[in-house]
Amino acid sequence: MTTPTRVAPAPREIASAAFPWRAIVAMLVAVSPTVVLTWLLANPDANIRLDSPAQHFVITSNVSVVALIAGILVARGAVHVKSFPTLLVALGFICMAGIFAVHGLATPGILLIGVKFPSASLVVGASAQLALLVSAAFFAIRYTPLAGVIERRVGARSLVLAVSVALPAYAVIGLVWPDWFDGLARFVLAGAGGSYSYDYSSGYGSQILGGTGILPYLVVGLTISLFGFAMWRQGAEFLHTRMPLQGALAFSYLLLAQAQISQFLGPVYSLAWWEYHGLMLAAVAIAVGAIFVELDRRRGLERFLPPTVVERVISGDRLRLEGERRTVTILFADLRGSTALAERLEPEAAVSVLNTYLRLMARAVIDRGGILDKFLGDGLMAIFGVVDDASQGADAAAACALDIRREVERVNAERERTGEPAVGFGVGIHTGDVVLGAVGLPERSDYTALGDAVNTASRMESLCKELGVDVVISADATRRLRGVSTRALGAAAVRGKAEAVEVFTLA
């Protein structure tokens, strides 16, 4: 037999395959707004003015309304799935939309007319800057420890309420009392070296002192730095996860940083100045779309993963849905006497009792960081130790079993006080090698464990009746326990095992 000869690819083919075309194209697209801005500023004849207050009002108002609605929907979804980092991004875009709406509504000659007209330009300019600064602050905080501090001390709902109050208050001050807004802003800017009588509709000008003062330059520098930091951290997440949605968010931050440059350097109503409006629209569309994709993916994962695990998966942690071999701890929990109880009760009452116990079992699994694999009639299967855990999940599974014991005793005590029968339970725990992965249809799948360790854990649960205990733990799991008291039950015959195995229970 002749061995087929493998023909090596031509050098041109190798170079073509290795050349990072996509990365180069993405980079060119990402920096193209700055290239265009540079060209416009270097060619004043091309950087024509398009003086159209009515068009400016229509564009900014419509963009703001769309962004605000989308941001609110994303914020509601983030609160529902308890994703505080996503909530911060959503609130950043909500603030951008709300403040940018004031920027559009304050367009001179639209709403602010008559005695309010002279104050309009400063409301427009300040709102344009604040829309970018406030959103940049929310985006950057997401990637710092400050996000955790705010979540613990303020909370998601309180933060949403604060933003919901602050934005209308800002709009009222800027649109109802623009003269007061103008006076306060001029006082602040003059304190930083600006001229109190400076005409802000003419732009920032070339003189730092005696014109705008130094404050706008500091604010613009801070805004660009915050966008840059958020882009850098989000870009690192993208390189780690290779998820398109992470890259989309980093791309939107880059667009917003360039929007700030365009807004700062472009003369009012020039093409360079109009560019930043388009960049903000593009950034909002890309980022909000990416967030919707993330929330949808998160909802799918939370069907079988606890929120803490989902957060790590979204961040690119080690959890491969396509399949991997891992050492984990499997827990089976089952109710005792539920079948006989169901026969004596009406169907509605039987389901209600069953749900009471199953929910407390499932909650114990989720609270201890386990993965709720599936419900099994009047029981469930759970997986512990999928993410980094020195005990391969044995400690968490044992703690879950103790939680189930405590909660079942509490519910049984309440039922006995009303003359209703108590319901027993059994828990089996085993640690071993399994194959983890998502199985099923593409549109509906379950993350599960396959292997002999799963069967052994199920046998441990079956031994509870035989040995007269509520929890049975295999020797493999017991050896990994730290700080958990156990009691030996001796050797027990396990179906499918040639030799008896040592088993234990929780003291």
Protein backbone atom coordinates (compact mmCIF):
# COMPACT_ATOMS: atom_id res chain seq x y z
CA MET A 1 0.00 0.00 0.00
CA THR A 2 1.29 3.41 -0.93
CA THR A 3 1.11 6.05 1.76
CA PRO A 4 -0.55 9.23 0.47
CA THR A 5 1.81 12.14 0.24
CA ARG A 6 0.66 15.29 2.02
CA VAL A 7 1.30 18.32 -0.11
CA ALA A 8 2.54 21.30 1.87
CA PRO A 9 0.69 24.54 1.28
CA ALA A 10 2.38 27.14 -0.82
CA PRO A 11 4.22 29.93 1.03
CA ARG A 12 1.67 32.45 -0.24
CA GLU A 13 -1.16 30.34 1.23
CA ILE A 14 0.61 30.14 4.60
CA ALA A 15 1.15 33.89 4.67
CA SER A 16 -2.46 34.50 3.68
CA ALA A 17 -3.77 32.20 6.42
CA ALA A 18 -1.49 33.69 9.08
CA PHE A 19 -2.05 37.34 8.23
CA PRO A 20 -4.53 38.86 10.73
CA TRP A 21 -6.86 40.43 8.17
CA ARG A 22 -9.80 40.65 10.54
CA ALA A 23 -7.79 42.34 13.27
CA ILE A 24 -6.33 44.83 10.81
CA VAL A 25 -9.73 45.69 9.34
CA ALA A 26 -11.28 46.03 12.81
CA MET A 27 -8.48 48.33 13.90
CA LEU A 28 -8.85 50.51 10.81
CA VAL A 29 -12.60 50.79 11.32
CA ALA A 30 -12.11 51.57 15.01
CA VAL A 31 -9.75 54.50 14.43
CA SER A 32 -11.37 55.79 11.24
CA PRO A 33 -13.43 58.47 13.08
CA THR A 34 -10.23 60.07 14.39
CA VAL A 35 -8.68 59.91 10.92
CA VAL A 36 -11.74 61.66 9.48
CA LEU A 37 -11.71 64.23 12.29
CA THR A 38 -8.01 64.98 11.71
CA TRP A 39 -8.61 65.46 8.00
CA LEU A 40 -11.57 67.78 8.59
CA LEU A 41 -9.67 69.91 11.10
CA ALA A 42 -6.67 70.10 8.76
CA ASN A 43 -8.90 71.18 5.85
CA PRO A 44 -11.17 74.01 6.98
CA ASP A 45 -12.74 74.28 3.53
CA ALA A 46 -13.99 70.68 3.83
CA ASN A 47 -15.13 71.16 7.42
CA ILE A 48 -18.21 73.11 6.37
CA ARG A 49 -20.86 74.37 8.76
CA LEU A 50 -24.35 72.90 8.77
CA ASP A 51 -26.34 75.36 10.86
CA SER A 52 -29.62 73.58 11.49
CA PRO A 53 -30.94 73.92 15.05
CA ALA A 54 -34.17 72.14 14.12
CA GLN A 55 -32.29 69.17 12.69
CA HIS A 56 -30.02 69.10 15.74
CA PHE A 57 -33.08 69.02 18.00
CA VAL A 58 -34.70 66.18 16.05
CA ILE A 59 -31.56 64.03 15.86
CA THR A 60 -30.50 64.38 19.49
CA SER A 61 -34.01 63.95 20.88
CA ASN A 62 -34.79 60.83 18.86
CA VAL A 63 -31.44 59.23 19.62
CA SER A 64 -31.91 59.97 23.31
CA VAL A 65 -35.42 58.51 23.43
CA VAL A 66 -34.32 55.30 21.69
CA ALA A 67 -31.25 54.95 23.90
CA LEU A 68 -33.29 55.66 27.04
CA ILE A 69 -35.91 53.02 26.23
CA ALA A 70 -33.24 50.46 25.38
CA GLY A 71 -31.25 51.32 28.51
CA ILE A 72 -34.31 50.93 30.72
CA LEU A 73 -35.10 47.52 29.22
CA VAL A 74 -31.52 46.38 29.75
CA ALA A 75 -31.53 47.72 33.32
CA ARG A 76 -34.72 45.81 34.10
CA GLY A 77 -33.19 42.65 32.70
CA ALA A 78 -29.99 43.20 34.68
CA VAL A 79 -31.95 43.65 37.93
CA HIS A 80 -33.97 40.52 37.16
CA VAL A 81 -30.91 38.32 36.65
CA LYS A 82 -29.01 40.12 39.44
CA SER A 83 -26.11 41.22 37.23
CA PHE A 84 -24.82 44.40 38.86
CA PRO A 85 -21.96 44.97 36.35
CA THR A 86 -24.46 44.87 33.47
CA LEU A 87 -26.72 47.23 35.43
CA LEU A 88 -23.89 49.76 35.71
CA VAL A 89 -23.42 49.72 31.93
CA ALA A 90 -27.17 50.10 31.40
CA LEU A 91 -27.31 53.03 33.83
CA GLY A 92 -24.37 54.60 32.03
CA PHE A 93 -26.33 54.60 28.79
CA ILE A 94 -29.50 55.76 30.56
CA CYS A 95 -27.60 58.75 31.98
CA MET A 96 -26.08 59.43 28.59
CA ALA A 97 -29.52 59.36 26.97
CA GLY A 98 -31.16 61.52 29.63
CA ILE A 99 -28.50 64.22 29.74
CA PHE A 100 -28.07 64.15 25.96
CA ALA A 101 -31.83 64.72 25.67
CA VAL A 102 -31.37 67.95 27.63
CA HIS A 103 -28.55 68.81 25.21
CA GLY A 104 -31.00 68.47 22.32
CA LEU A 105 -34.00 70.11 23.98
CA ALA A 106 -31.88 73.13 24.96
CA THR A 107 -30.91 73.84 21.34
CA PRO A 108 -31.12 77.66 21.05
CA GLY A 109 -34.31 78.81 19.41
CA ILE A 110 -36.25 75.56 20.00
CA LEU A 111 -37.54 75.48 23.58
CA LEU A 112 -35.29 78.10 25.13
CA ILE A 113 -36.48 81.30 23.47
CA GLY A 114 -37.00 84.87 24.58
CA VAL A 115 -35.31 85.67 27.88
CA LYS A 116 -34.06 82.06 28.09
CA PHE A 117 -32.27 82.20 24.74
CA PRO A 118 -28.96 83.70 26.02
CA SER A 119 -28.55 80.84 28.52
CA ALA A 120 -29.24 78.09 26.01
CA SER A 121 -25.71 77.71 24.63
CA LEU A 122 -24.17 76.90 28.00
CA VAL A 123 -26.92 74.36 28.82
CA VAL A 124 -26.26 72.71 25.45
CA GLY A 125 -22.48 72.65 25.90
CA ALA A 126 -22.49 71.49 29.53
CA SER A 127 -25.05 68.77 28.81
CA ALA A 128 -23.01 67.45 25.89
CA GLN A 129 -19.97 67.16 28.15
CA LEU A 130 -21.84 65.71 31.16
CA ALA A 131 -23.56 63.11 28.98
CA LEU A 132 -20.16 61.67 28.14
CA LEU A 133 -18.51 62.17 31.54
CA VAL A 134 -21.26 60.58 33.64
CA SER A 135 -21.62 57.59 31.34
CA ALA A 136 -17.83 57.12 31.28
CA ALA A 137 -17.80 57.08 35.08
CA PHE A 138 -20.46 54.32 35.20
CA PHE A 139 -18.61 52.27 32.58
CA ALA A 140 -15.25 52.56 34.36
CA ILE A 141 -16.66 51.77 37.81
CA ARG A 142 -17.92 48.45 36.45
CA TYR A 143 -14.33 47.21 36.22
CA THR A 144 -13.16 48.35 39.67
CA PRO A 145 -13.70 47.11 43.26
CA LEU A 146 -15.90 50.17 43.74
CA ALA A 147 -18.67 48.31 41.90
CA GLY A 148 -18.82 45.72 44.68
CA VAL A 149 -18.84 48.43 47.34
CA ILE A 150 -21.76 50.23 45.67
CA GLU A 151 -23.66 46.95 45.26
CA ARG A 152 -23.29 46.12 48.96
CA ARG A 153 -23.87 49.58 50.44
CA VAL A 154 -26.31 51.12 47.96
CA GLY A 155 -27.93 48.19 46.17
CA ALA A 156 -29.27 47.86 42.65
CA ARG A 157 -32.76 49.19 43.27
CA SER A 158 -31.57 52.19 45.29
CA LEU A 159 -29.07 53.08 42.57
CA VAL A 160 -31.75 52.85 39.88
CA LEU A 161 -34.03 55.05 42.01
CA ALA A 162 -31.29 57.66 42.48
CA VAL A 163 -30.66 57.84 38.72
CA SER A 164 -34.41 58.01 38.06
CA VAL A 165 -34.67 61.05 40.34
CA ALA A 166 -31.44 62.79 39.29
CA LEU A 167 -32.09 62.83 35.54
CA PRO A 168 -35.53 64.56 35.67
CA ALA A 169 -34.16 67.00 38.25
CA TYR A 170 -31.29 67.89 35.91
CA ALA A 171 -33.71 68.35 33.02
CA VAL A 172 -35.94 70.66 35.06
CA ILE A 173 -33.01 72.83 36.16
CA GLY A 174 -31.54 73.05 32.65
CA LEU A 175 -34.79 73.64 30.75
CA VAL A 176 -37.02 75.47 33.25
CA TRP A 177 -34.35 77.61 34.97
CA PRO A 178 -31.57 77.91 32.36
CA ASP A 179 -30.53 81.31 33.70
CA TRP A 180 -29.78 79.78 37.11
CA PHE A 181 -27.95 76.90 35.40
CA ASP A 182 -25.98 79.42 33.29
CA GLY A 183 -24.99 81.48 36.33
CA LEU A 184 -23.83 78.47 38.34
CA ALA A 185 -21.87 77.02 35.44
CA ARG A 186 -20.16 80.33 34.68
CA PHE A 187 -19.24 80.73 38.35
CA VAL A 188 -17.64 77.27 38.41
CA LEU A 189 -15.80 77.77 35.12
CA ALA A 190 -14.61 81.25 36.10
CA GLY A 191 -13.19 79.75 39.28
CA ALA A 192 -10.96 77.59 37.07
CA GLY A 193 -9.56 80.53 35.08
CA GLY A 194 -12.32 81.07 32.54
CA SER A 195 -13.90 84.35 31.54
CA TYR A 196 -17.30 84.86 33.15
CA SER A 197 -18.59 86.55 29.98
CA TYR A 198 -17.13 84.00 27.57
CA ASP A 199 -19.46 82.99 24.71
CA TYR A 200 -19.56 79.22 24.96
CA SER A 201 -21.43 78.85 21.66
CA SER A 202 -18.15 79.71 19.92
CA GLY A 203 -16.50 76.54 21.23
CA TYR A 204 -13.58 76.01 23.58
CA GLY A 205 -11.24 78.34 21.75
CA SER A 206 -7.46 78.24 21.71
CA GLN A 207 -6.78 80.12 24.94
CA ILE A 208 -6.83 78.03 28.09
CA LEU A 209 -6.75 80.96 30.48
CA GLY A 210 -8.94 83.96 29.77
CA GLY A 211 -11.28 81.93 27.55
CA THR A 212 -12.86 78.70 28.67
CA GLY A 213 -10.47 78.20 31.56
CA ILE A 214 -8.68 74.99 32.41
CA LEU A 215 -11.67 73.04 33.79
CA PRO A 216 -13.08 71.87 30.42
CA TYR A 217 -9.67 70.52 29.47
CA LEU A 218 -9.43 68.59 32.73
CA VAL A 219 -12.95 67.19 32.35
CA VAL A 220 -12.34 66.15 28.76
CA GLY A 221 -9.06 64.50 29.74
CA LEU A 222 -10.79 62.64 32.58
CA THR A 223 -13.62 61.51 30.30
CA ILE A 224 -11.23 60.15 27.67
CA SER A 225 -9.21 58.41 30.39
CA LEU A 226 -12.32 56.74 31.83
CA PHE A 227 -13.43 55.54 28.40
CA GLY A 228 -9.90 54.34 27.74
CA PHE A 229 -9.77 52.43 31.02
CA ALA A 230 -13.15 50.80 30.36
CA MET A 231 -12.06 49.91 26.82
CA TRP A 232 -8.79 48.40 28.09
CA ARG A 233 -10.50 46.26 30.73
CA GLN A 234 -13.30 45.21 28.40
CA GLY A 235 -10.75 44.44 25.69
CA ALA A 236 -8.89 42.20 28.16
CA GLU A 237 -12.14 40.33 28.83
CA PHE A 238 -12.64 39.93 25.09
CA LEU A 239 -9.15 38.50 24.63
CA HIS A 240 -9.83 36.12 27.52
CA THR A 241 -13.29 34.96 26.41
CA ARG A 242 -13.21 35.61 22.63
CA MET A 243 -16.93 36.40 22.90
CA PRO A 244 -18.12 38.84 20.19
CA LEU A 245 -20.37 40.68 22.61
CA GLN A 246 -17.38 41.53 24.82
CA GLY A 247 -15.56 42.90 21.80
CA ALA A 248 -18.63 44.92 20.79
CA LEU A 249 -18.73 46.63 24.17
CA ALA A 250 -15.01 47.48 24.00
CA PHE A 251 -15.56 48.85 20.48
CA SER A 252 -18.39 51.10 21.70
CA TYR A 253 -16.14 52.54 24.44
CA LEU A 254 -13.54 53.37 21.79
CA LEU A 255 -16.19 55.13 19.69
CA LEU A 256 -17.29 57.17 22.69
CA ALA A 257 -13.71 58.19 23.48
CA GLN A 258 -13.39 59.47 19.91
CA ALA A 259 -16.80 61.15 20.22
CA GLN A 260 -15.40 63.11 23.16
CA ILE A 261 -12.42 64.22 21.06
CA SER A 262 -14.70 65.26 18.20
CA GLN A 263 -17.05 67.12 20.53
CA PHE A 264 -14.10 68.95 22.11
CA LEU A 265 -12.19 69.93 18.97
CA GLY A 266 -14.95 70.34 16.39
CA PRO A 267 -16.28 73.89 15.91
CA VAL A 268 -20.01 74.08 16.65
CA TYR A 269 -22.22 72.95 13.71
CA SER A 270 -19.19 71.96 11.63
CA LEU A 271 -18.93 68.47 10.13
CA ALA A 272 -16.32 67.59 12.77
CA TRP A 273 -18.82 68.60 15.47
CA TRP A 274 -21.66 66.63 13.87
CA GLU A 275 -19.41 63.59 13.81
CA TYR A 276 -19.63 63.07 17.55
CA HIS A 277 -23.43 62.81 17.36
CA GLY A 278 -23.08 59.97 14.89
CA LEU A 279 -20.43 58.26 17.01
CA MET A 280 -22.66 58.38 20.08
CA LEU A 281 -25.54 56.85 18.12
CA ALA A 282 -23.30 54.07 16.80
CA ALA A 283 -21.85 53.36 20.25
CA VAL A 284 -25.30 53.16 21.84
CA ALA A 285 -26.60 50.82 19.14
CA ILE A 286 -23.59 48.48 19.32
CA ALA A 287 -23.33 48.38 23.11
CA VAL A 288 -27.04 47.96 23.84
CA GLY A 289 -27.26 45.20 21.25
CA ALA A 290 -24.30 43.45 22.87
CA ILE A 291 -25.87 43.77 26.32
CA PHE A 292 -29.13 42.27 25.09
CA VAL A 293 -27.19 39.31 23.72
CA GLU A 294 -25.39 38.89 27.05
CA LEU A 295 -28.63 39.04 29.05
CA ASP A 296 -30.25 36.50 26.76
CA ARG A 297 -27.28 34.17 27.14
CA ARG A 298 -27.29 34.74 30.90
CA ARG A 299 -30.97 33.80 31.17
CA GLY A 300 -30.25 30.58 29.30
CA LEU A 301 -27.36 29.70 31.60
CA GLU A 302 -29.31 30.48 34.77
CA ARG A 303 -31.71 27.67 33.97
CA PHE A 304 -29.09 25.31 35.41
CA LEU A 305 -26.31 27.47 36.90
CA PRO A 306 -26.36 29.64 40.04
CA PRO A 307 -25.85 33.39 39.46
CA THR A 308 -22.31 33.32 40.87
CA VAL A 309 -21.29 30.61 38.40
CA VAL A 310 -23.06 32.37 35.51
CA GLU A 311 -21.10 35.55 36.25
CA ARG A 312 -17.85 33.61 36.03
CA VAL A 313 -18.91 31.86 32.82
CA ILE A 314 -19.83 35.18 31.18
CA SER A 315 -16.39 36.44 32.23
CA GLY A 316 -14.77 33.48 30.50
CA ASP A 317 -14.14 31.20 33.46
CA ARG A 318 -13.32 27.54 33.01
CA LEU A 319 -16.68 25.98 32.15
CA ARG A 320 -16.84 24.38 28.75
CA LEU A 321 -20.37 23.65 27.60
CA GLU A 322 -19.18 21.46 24.73
CA GLY A 323 -17.79 18.83 27.14
CA GLU A 324 -14.88 18.27 29.51
CA ARG A 325 -13.72 15.69 32.03
CA ARG A 326 -13.62 16.95 35.62
CA THR A 327 -13.53 15.69 39.20
CA VAL A 328 -16.69 16.99 40.90
CA THR A 329 -19.11 16.08 43.66
CA ILE A 330 -22.57 14.80 42.76
CA LEU A 331 -25.52 15.13 45.15
CA PHE A 332 -28.86 13.35 44.91
CA ALA A 333 -31.74 14.35 47.16
CA ASP A 334 -35.08 12.56 47.42
CA LEU A 335 -38.21 12.95 49.53
CA ARG A 336 -39.56 10.09 51.63
CA GLY A 337 -43.27 9.35 51.83
CA SER A 338 -44.25 11.90 49.21
CA THR A 339 -45.94 9.28 47.00
CA ALA A 340 -48.22 8.08 49.81
CA LEU A 341 -48.87 11.69 50.77
CA ALA A 342 -49.90 12.55 47.22
CA GLU A 343 -52.41 9.71 47.18
CA ARG A 344 -54.20 11.13 50.23
CA LEU A 345 -54.29 14.76 49.07
CA GLU A 346 -56.06 16.62 46.33
CA PRO A 347 -53.83 17.15 43.25
CA GLU A 348 -53.40 20.87 43.94
CA ALA A 349 -52.45 20.25 47.57
CA ALA A 350 -50.04 17.46 46.64
CA VAL A 351 -48.21 19.68 44.14
CA SER A 352 -48.08 22.50 46.67
CA VAL A 353 -46.49 20.27 49.34
CA LEU A 354 -44.03 18.81 46.84
CA ASN A 355 -42.98 22.26 45.65
CA THR A 356 -42.46 23.45 49.23
CA TYR A 357 -39.81 20.80 49.85
CA LEU A 358 -38.25 20.82 46.40
CA ARG A 359 -37.83 24.58 46.48
CA LEU A 360 -35.97 24.52 49.78
CA MET A 361 -33.72 21.77 48.43
CA ALA A 362 -33.05 23.70 45.22
CA ARG A 363 -32.42 26.91 47.14
CA ALA A 364 -29.86 25.11 49.31
CA VAL A 365 -28.06 23.96 46.15
CA ILE A 366 -28.00 27.43 44.59
CA ASP A 367 -26.96 29.16 47.83
CA ARG A 368 -23.97 26.81 48.17
CA GLY A 369 -22.82 27.48 44.61
CA GLY A 370 -23.99 24.18 43.15
CA ILE A 371 -25.43 23.56 39.72
CA LEU A 372 -29.02 22.34 39.73
CA ASP A 373 -28.79 19.59 37.13
CA LYS A 374 -32.40 18.41 37.08
CA PHE A 375 -35.52 17.64 39.11
CA LEU A 376 -36.31 13.94 39.42
CA GLY A 377 -40.00 13.69 40.35
CA ASP A 378 -39.82 14.24 44.10
CA GLY A 379 -36.06 14.75 44.17
CA LEU A 380 -33.17 16.45 42.39
CA MET A 381 -29.61 16.04 41.18
CA ALA A 382 -26.94 18.69 41.72
CA ILE A 383 -23.28 19.15 40.78
CA PHE A 384 -20.70 20.85 43.00
CA GLY A 385 -17.10 21.83 42.33
CA VAL A 386 -17.46 22.76 38.65
CA VAL A 387 -15.59 26.03 39.25
CA ASP A 388 -12.34 26.15 41.21
CA ASP A 389 -12.77 24.34 44.52
CA ALA A 390 -9.95 22.65 46.46
CA SER A 391 -12.35 19.96 47.73
CA GLN A 392 -13.84 19.33 44.26
CA GLY A 393 -17.19 20.47 45.70
CA ALA A 394 -17.34 18.04 48.64
CA ASP A 395 -17.41 20.81 51.28
CA ALA A 396 -20.16 22.70 49.46
CA ALA A 397 -22.23 19.54 48.94
CA ALA A 398 -21.97 18.63 52.64
CA ALA A 399 -22.99 22.16 53.63
CA CYS A 400 -25.92 21.89 51.22
CA ALA A 401 -27.01 18.62 52.86
CA LEU A 402 -26.89 20.27 56.29
CA ASP A 403 -28.98 23.17 54.96
CA ILE A 404 -31.54 20.73 53.57
CA ARG A 405 -31.67 18.91 56.92
CA ARG A 406 -32.25 22.16 58.82
CA GLU A 407 -34.89 23.50 56.43
CA VAL A 408 -36.81 20.21 56.21
CA GLU A 409 -36.91 20.04 60.01
CA ARG A 410 -38.28 23.59 60.10
CA VAL A 411 -41.02 22.88 57.54
CA ASN A 412 -41.91 19.59 59.22
CA ALA A 413 -42.27 21.36 62.56
CA GLU A 414 -44.70 23.85 60.98
CA ARG A 415 -46.70 21.05 59.37
CA GLU A 416 -46.92 19.04 62.57
CA ARG A 417 -48.29 22.08 64.43
CA THR A 418 -51.22 22.11 62.00
CA GLY A 419 -51.73 18.35 62.19
CA GLU A 420 -50.19 17.60 58.78
CA PRO A 421 -47.78 14.67 58.33
CA ALA A 422 -44.06 15.30 58.10
CA VAL A 423 -42.01 14.39 55.05
CA GLY A 424 -38.60 12.75 55.29
CA PHE A 425 -35.68 12.97 52.89
CA GLY A 426 -32.47 11.27 51.85
CA VAL A 427 -29.28 12.73 50.42
CA GLY A 428 -26.44 10.87 48.72
CA ILE A 429 -23.05 12.44 48.00
CA HIS A 430 -20.08 11.11 46.02
CA THR A 431 -16.96 12.65 44.48
CA GLY A 432 -15.49 11.27 41.28
CA ASP A 433 -14.60 11.82 37.64
CA VAL A 434 -17.42 12.74 35.25
CA VAL A 435 -17.88 14.20 31.80
CA LEU A 436 -19.56 17.62 31.98
CA GLY A 437 -21.35 19.30 29.09
CA ALA A 438 -24.58 20.61 27.63
CA VAL A 439 -26.74 17.90 26.03
CA GLY A 440 -29.98 18.22 24.09
CA LEU A 441 -31.21 20.42 21.29
CA PRO A 442 -29.39 23.64 20.31
CA GLU A 443 -32.41 25.69 21.40
CA ARG A 444 -33.04 23.69 24.57
CA SER A 445 -30.26 21.86 26.37
CA ASP A 446 -29.26 20.90 29.89
CA TYR A 447 -25.84 21.07 31.48
CA THR A 448 -25.29 17.67 33.05
CA ALA A 449 -22.73 15.15 34.30
CA LEU A 450 -22.20 11.70 32.83
CA GLY A 451 -20.24 8.78 34.24
CA ASP A 452 -20.03 6.11 36.92
CA ALA A 453 -19.66 8.75 39.65
CA VAL A 454 -23.23 9.87 38.96
CA ASN A 455 -24.54 6.32 39.40
CA THR A 456 -22.53 5.92 42.61
CA ALA A 457 -23.99 9.13 44.07
CA SER A 458 -27.48 7.85 43.26
CA ARG A 459 -26.67 4.58 45.06
CA MET A 460 -25.53 6.58 48.08
CA GLU A 461 -28.95 8.20 48.25
CA SER A 462 -30.64 4.80 48.00
CA LEU A 463 -28.62 3.56 51.01
CA CYS A 464 -30.27 6.16 53.27
CA LYS A 465 -33.34 3.95 53.74
CA GLU A 466 -31.29 0.81 54.32
CA LEU A 467 -28.96 2.42 56.86
CA GLY A 468 -31.62 4.55 58.58
CA VAL A 469 -29.94 7.94 58.07
CA ASP A 470 -30.81 11.04 56.10
CA VAL A 471 -27.37 11.55 54.48
CA VAL A 472 -24.90 8.99 53.09
CA ILE A 473 -21.47 10.12 51.87
CA SER A 474 -18.95 7.97 50.04
CA ALA A 475 -15.40 7.60 51.29
CA ASP A 476 -14.13 9.46 48.21
CA ALA A 477 -16.15 12.53 49.18
CA THR A 478 -15.47 12.22 52.91
CA ARG A 479 -11.68 12.30 52.39
CA ARG A 480 -12.04 15.76 50.84
CA LEU A 481 -14.14 17.28 53.61
CA ARG A 482 -12.62 20.00 55.78
CA GLY A 483 -14.17 21.02 59.09
CA VAL A 484 -17.25 18.81 58.67
CA SER A 485 -18.03 16.16 61.31
CA THR A 486 -18.88 12.72 59.94
CA ARG A 487 -19.70 9.31 61.41
CA ALA A 488 -18.65 6.02 59.84
CA LEU A 489 -21.44 3.67 58.83
CA GLY A 490 -19.19 0.78 57.86
CA ALA A 491 -19.01 -1.06 54.56
CA ALA A 492 -22.10 -1.33 52.39
CA ALA A 493 -22.86 -3.29 49.26
CA VAL A 494 -23.51 -0.99 46.31
CA ARG A 495 -25.21 -2.19 43.18
CA GLY A 496 -22.75 -2.13 40.30
CA LYS A 497 -19.69 -2.42 42.57
CA ALA A 498 -17.83 -5.72 42.95
CA GLU A 499 -16.75 -4.92 46.51
CA ALA A 500 -18.42 -3.24 49.44
CA VAL A 501 -17.59 0.46 49.91
CA GLU A 502 -17.04 2.48 53.05
CA VAL A 503 -19.79 5.02 53.67
CA PHE A 504 -20.33 7.82 56.17
CA THR A 505 -23.01 10.19 57.34
CA LEU A 506 -23.03 13.75 58.65
CA ALA A 507 -22.89 13.95 62.43
